[in-house]
């Protein structure tokens, strides 16, 4: 069965846990020509190739370097939630700490974390910004 390309969600960000985000950022900017789009006081560095955001997040404690989560740009949050619930899983939940790049988070059946965003990952936008936007874009 062919996928409906109008409904197809787009992977727009991947987050990697690393003991040295700046070192990893230098690697991705030098080797792949990615641009640094944001550096946070926490040590996190956000890169972009123009389509995908690569978030390099500092490891905490004994956490091994790994992919931390990835994110989909979706068209209809309600439809996605119904699909997830239809599989007998918990619906997506609001992200903690009002992050700017995704409204909700869910997991796949193996527990891999997935961020979901209707507004997209192109810009830093907090919940208050989204609430103040005009209804029609």
C-alpha atoms as a PDB file:
ATOM      1  CA  UNK A   1       0.000   0.000   0.000  1.00  0.00           C
ATOM      2  CA  UNK A   2       1.437   3.382  -1.000  1.00  0.00           C
ATOM      3  CA  UNK A   3       1.815   5.990   1.725  1.00  0.00           C
ATOM      4  CA  UNK A   4      -0.214   9.185   1.474  1.00  0.00           C
ATOM      5  CA  UNK A   5       2.522  11.793   0.965  1.00  0.00           C
ATOM      6  CA  UNK A   6       0.274  14.570   2.306  1.00  0.00           C
ATOM      7  CA  UNK A   7       0.080  12.780   5.668  1.00  0.00           C
ATOM      8  CA  UNK A   8       3.707  11.697   5.810  1.00  0.00           C
ATOM      9  CA  UNK A   9       5.430  13.189   8.855  1.00  0.00           C
ATOM     10  CA  UNK A  10       8.939  14.557   8.347  1.00  0.00           C
ATOM     11  CA  UNK A  11      11.891  13.826  10.649  1.00  0.00           C
ATOM     12  CA  UNK A  12      13.258  17.279  11.399  1.00  0.00           C
ATOM     13  CA  UNK A  13      15.561  16.805  14.375  1.00  0.00           C
ATOM     14  CA  UNK A  14      17.767  14.277  16.074  1.00  0.00           C
ATOM     15  CA  UNK A  15      19.300  14.759  19.524  1.00  0.00           C
ATOM     16  CA  UNK A  16      22.571  13.112  20.467  1.00  0.00           C
ATOM     17  CA  UNK A  17      23.912  12.847  24.032  1.00  0.00           C
ATOM     18  CA  UNK A  18      27.656  13.494  24.118  1.00  0.00           C
ATOM     19  CA  UNK A  19      30.270  14.276  26.776  1.00  0.00           C
ATOM     20  CA  UNK A  20      31.557  17.150  24.592  1.00  0.00           C
ATOM     21  CA  UNK A  21      28.923  18.951  22.464  1.00  0.00           C
ATOM     22  CA  UNK A  22      31.402  21.579  21.183  1.00  0.00           C
ATOM     23  CA  UNK A  23      33.830  18.896  19.960  1.00  0.00           C
ATOM     24  CA  UNK A  24      31.021  17.049  18.197  1.00  0.00           C
ATOM     25  CA  UNK A  25      29.720  20.342  16.743  1.00  0.00           C
ATOM     26  CA  UNK A  26      33.173  21.045  15.312  1.00  0.00           C
ATOM     27  CA  UNK A  27      33.144  17.599  13.692  1.00  0.00           C
ATOM     28  CA  UNK A  28      29.721  18.081  12.047  1.00  0.00           C
ATOM     29  CA  UNK A  29      30.454  21.651  10.930  1.00  0.00           C
ATOM     30  CA  UNK A  30      33.884  20.752   9.518  1.00  0.00           C
ATOM     31  CA  UNK A  31      33.041  17.410   7.904  1.00  0.00           C
ATOM     32  CA  UNK A  32      29.452  17.995   6.783  1.00  0.00           C
ATOM     33  CA  UNK A  33      29.267  21.803   6.561  1.00  0.00           C
ATOM     34  CA  UNK A  34      26.445  22.115   9.092  1.00  0.00           C
ATOM     35  CA  UNK A  35      25.766  25.529  10.653  1.00  0.00           C
ATOM     36  CA  UNK A  36      25.627  26.280  14.373  1.00  0.00           C
ATOM     37  CA  UNK A  37      22.195  27.843  14.948  1.00  0.00           C
ATOM     38  CA  UNK A  38      22.110  27.984  18.753  1.00  0.00           C
ATOM     39  CA  UNK A  39      24.420  27.443  21.718  1.00  0.00           C
ATOM     40  CA  UNK A  40      22.911  27.268  25.181  1.00  0.00           C
ATOM     41  CA  UNK A  41      24.497  28.015  28.561  1.00  0.00           C
ATOM     42  CA  UNK A  42      23.806  24.357  29.427  1.00  0.00           C
ATOM     43  CA  UNK A  43      26.455  23.383  26.867  1.00  0.00           C
ATOM     44  CA  UNK A  44      23.956  22.184  24.260  1.00  0.00           C
ATOM     45  CA  UNK A  45      24.792  23.062  20.660  1.00  0.00           C
ATOM     46  CA  UNK A  46      22.182  23.012  17.883  1.00  0.00           C
ATOM     47  CA  UNK A  47      23.254  22.537  14.258  1.00  0.00           C
ATOM     48  CA  UNK A  48      21.314  22.617  11.007  1.00  0.00           C
ATOM     49  CA  UNK A  49      21.800  21.551   7.419  1.00  0.00           C
ATOM     50  CA  UNK A  50      18.880  23.777   6.396  1.00  0.00           C
ATOM     51  CA  UNK A  51      16.305  20.999   6.825  1.00  0.00           C
ATOM     52  CA  UNK A  52      17.284  18.949   9.854  1.00  0.00           C
ATOM     53  CA  UNK A  53      18.253  20.168  13.320  1.00  0.00           C
ATOM     54  CA  UNK A  54      20.961  18.155  15.072  1.00  0.00           C
ATOM     55  CA  UNK A  55      20.850  18.836  18.814  1.00  0.00           C
ATOM     56  CA  UNK A  56      24.079  17.951  20.632  1.00  0.00           C
ATOM     57  CA  UNK A  57      23.206  17.607  24.317  1.00  0.00           C
ATOM     58  CA  UNK A  58      25.681  17.152  27.174  1.00  0.00           C
ATOM     59  CA  UNK A  59      25.586  13.796  28.939  1.00  0.00           C
ATOM     60  CA  UNK A  60      24.726  13.865  32.622  1.00  0.00           C
ATOM     61  CA  UNK A  61      26.242  11.491  35.149  1.00  0.00           C
ATOM     62  CA  UNK A  62      26.905   7.996  33.883  1.00  0.00           C
ATOM     63  CA  UNK A  63      24.823   8.296  30.712  1.00  0.00           C
ATOM     64  CA  UNK A  64      26.655   6.863  27.704  1.00  0.00           C
ATOM     65  CA  UNK A  65      26.785   8.830  24.454  1.00  0.00           C
ATOM     66  CA  UNK A  66      23.755   7.880  22.367  1.00  0.00           C
ATOM     67  CA  UNK A  67      20.870   9.175  20.329  1.00  0.00           C
ATOM     68  CA  UNK A  68      18.639  10.820  22.922  1.00  0.00           C
ATOM     69  CA  UNK A  69      15.496  11.370  20.839  1.00  0.00           C
ATOM     70  CA  UNK A  70      14.337  12.429  17.387  1.00  0.00           C
ATOM     71  CA  UNK A  71      11.492  14.609  16.229  1.00  0.00           C
ATOM     72  CA  UNK A  72       8.785  14.599  13.591  1.00  0.00           C
ATOM     73  CA  UNK A  73       7.214  17.660  11.999  1.00  0.00           C
ATOM     74  CA  UNK A  74       3.559  16.602  11.765  1.00  0.00           C
ATOM     75  CA  UNK A  75       0.458  18.100  10.181  1.00  0.00           C
ATOM     76  CA  UNK A  76      -2.248  17.012  12.637  1.00  0.00           C
ATOM     77  CA  UNK A  77      -1.463  16.356  16.308  1.00  0.00           C
ATOM     78  CA  UNK A  78      -4.943  14.982  16.994  1.00  0.00           C
ATOM     79  CA  UNK A  79      -4.683  12.443  14.174  1.00  0.00           C
ATOM     80  CA  UNK A  80      -1.264  11.272  15.410  1.00  0.00           C
ATOM     81  CA  UNK A  81      -2.556  10.939  18.976  1.00  0.00           C
ATOM     82  CA  UNK A  82      -5.533   8.862  17.784  1.00  0.00           C
ATOM     83  CA  UNK A  83      -3.214   6.588  15.805  1.00  0.00           C
ATOM     84  CA  UNK A  84      -0.990   6.036  18.837  1.00  0.00           C
ATOM     85  CA  UNK A  85      -3.962   5.392  21.124  1.00  0.00           C
ATOM     86  CA  UNK A  86      -5.389   3.032  18.479  1.00  0.00           C
ATOM     87  CA  UNK A  87      -2.288   0.888  19.020  1.00  0.00           C
ATOM     88  CA  UNK A  88      -3.094   0.702  22.736  1.00  0.00           C
ATOM     89  CA  UNK A  89      -0.385   3.160  23.738  1.00  0.00           C
ATOM     90  CA  UNK A  90      -0.455   6.323  25.840  1.00  0.00           C
ATOM     91  CA  UNK A  91      -1.123   9.519  23.838  1.00  0.00           C
ATOM     92  CA  UNK A  92       1.660  12.104  23.445  1.00  0.00           C
ATOM     93  CA  UNK A  93       2.250  14.314  26.464  1.00  0.00           C
ATOM     94  CA  UNK A  94       3.248  17.970  26.686  1.00  0.00           C
ATOM     95  CA  UNK A  95       7.016  18.359  26.767  1.00  0.00           C
ATOM     96  CA  UNK A  96       8.402  19.396  30.165  1.00  0.00           C
ATOM     97  CA  UNK A  97       9.996  22.821  30.645  1.00  0.00           C
ATOM     98  CA  UNK A  98       8.216  24.400  27.639  1.00  0.00           C
ATOM     99  CA  UNK A  99      10.870  23.549  25.079  1.00  0.00           C
ATOM    100  CA  UNK A 100      10.897  25.689  21.958  1.00  0.00           C
ATOM    101  CA  UNK A 101      11.099  23.007  19.283  1.00  0.00           C
ATOM    102  CA  UNK A 102       8.274  20.572  20.038  1.00  0.00           C
ATOM    103  CA  UNK A 103       4.884  20.644  21.676  1.00  0.00           C
ATOM    104  CA  UNK A 104       4.590  17.006  22.731  1.00  0.00           C
ATOM    105  CA  UNK A 105       6.617  13.832  23.231  1.00  0.00           C
ATOM    106  CA  UNK A 106       5.711  10.184  22.786  1.00  0.00           C
ATOM    107  CA  UNK A 107       7.631   6.926  22.566  1.00  0.00           C
ATOM    108  CA  UNK A 108       7.649   4.106  20.087  1.00  0.00           C
ATOM    109  CA  UNK A 109       6.904   0.553  21.314  1.00  0.00           C
ATOM    110  CA  UNK A 110      10.601   0.081  22.195  1.00  0.00           C
ATOM    111  CA  UNK A 111      10.644   3.230  24.335  1.00  0.00           C
ATOM    112  CA  UNK A 112      12.553   5.478  21.922  1.00  0.00           C
ATOM    113  CA  UNK A 113      11.538   9.078  22.603  1.00  0.00           C
ATOM    114  CA  UNK A 114       9.924  11.029  19.752  1.00  0.00           C
ATOM    115  CA  UNK A 115       9.169  14.761  19.797  1.00  0.00           C
ATOM    116  CA  UNK A 116       6.132  15.933  17.816  1.00  0.00           C
ATOM    117  CA  UNK A 117       5.714  19.440  16.444  1.00  0.00           C
ATOM    118  CA  UNK A 118       2.971  20.954  14.317  1.00  0.00           C
ATOM    119  CA  UNK A 119       4.706  24.351  14.112  1.00  0.00           C
ATOM    120  CA  UNK A 120       8.008  22.848  12.971  1.00  0.00           C
ATOM    121  CA  UNK A 121      11.591  22.913  14.150  1.00  0.00           C
ATOM    122  CA  UNK A 122      12.894  25.774  12.012  1.00  0.00           C
ATOM    123  CA  UNK A 123      12.820  28.400  14.740  1.00  0.00           C
ATOM    124  CA  UNK A 124      12.950  28.693  18.483  1.00  0.00           C
ATOM    125  CA  UNK A 125       9.345  29.173  19.591  1.00  0.00           C
ATOM    126  CA  UNK A 126       7.915  28.755  23.078  1.00  0.00           C
ATOM    127  CA  UNK A 127       4.334  27.875  24.028  1.00  0.00           C
ATOM    128  CA  UNK A 128       3.525  31.528  24.800  1.00  0.00           C
ATOM    129  CA  UNK A 129       4.572  32.446  21.242  1.00  0.00           C
ATOM    130  CA  UNK A 130       2.315  29.765  19.779  1.00  0.00           C
ATOM    131  CA  UNK A 131      -0.644  30.890  21.888  1.00  0.00           C
ATOM    132  CA  UNK A 132      -0.245  34.486  20.655  1.00  0.00           C
ATOM    133  CA  UNK A 133      -0.114  33.555  16.946  1.00  0.00           C
ATOM    134  CA  UNK A 134      -3.098  34.293  14.719  1.00  0.00           C
ATOM    135  CA  UNK A 135      -5.251  31.181  14.173  1.00  0.00           C
ATOM    136  CA  UNK A 136      -4.684  31.098  10.404  1.00  0.00           C
ATOM    137  CA  UNK A 137      -1.213  31.014   8.937  1.00  0.00           C
END
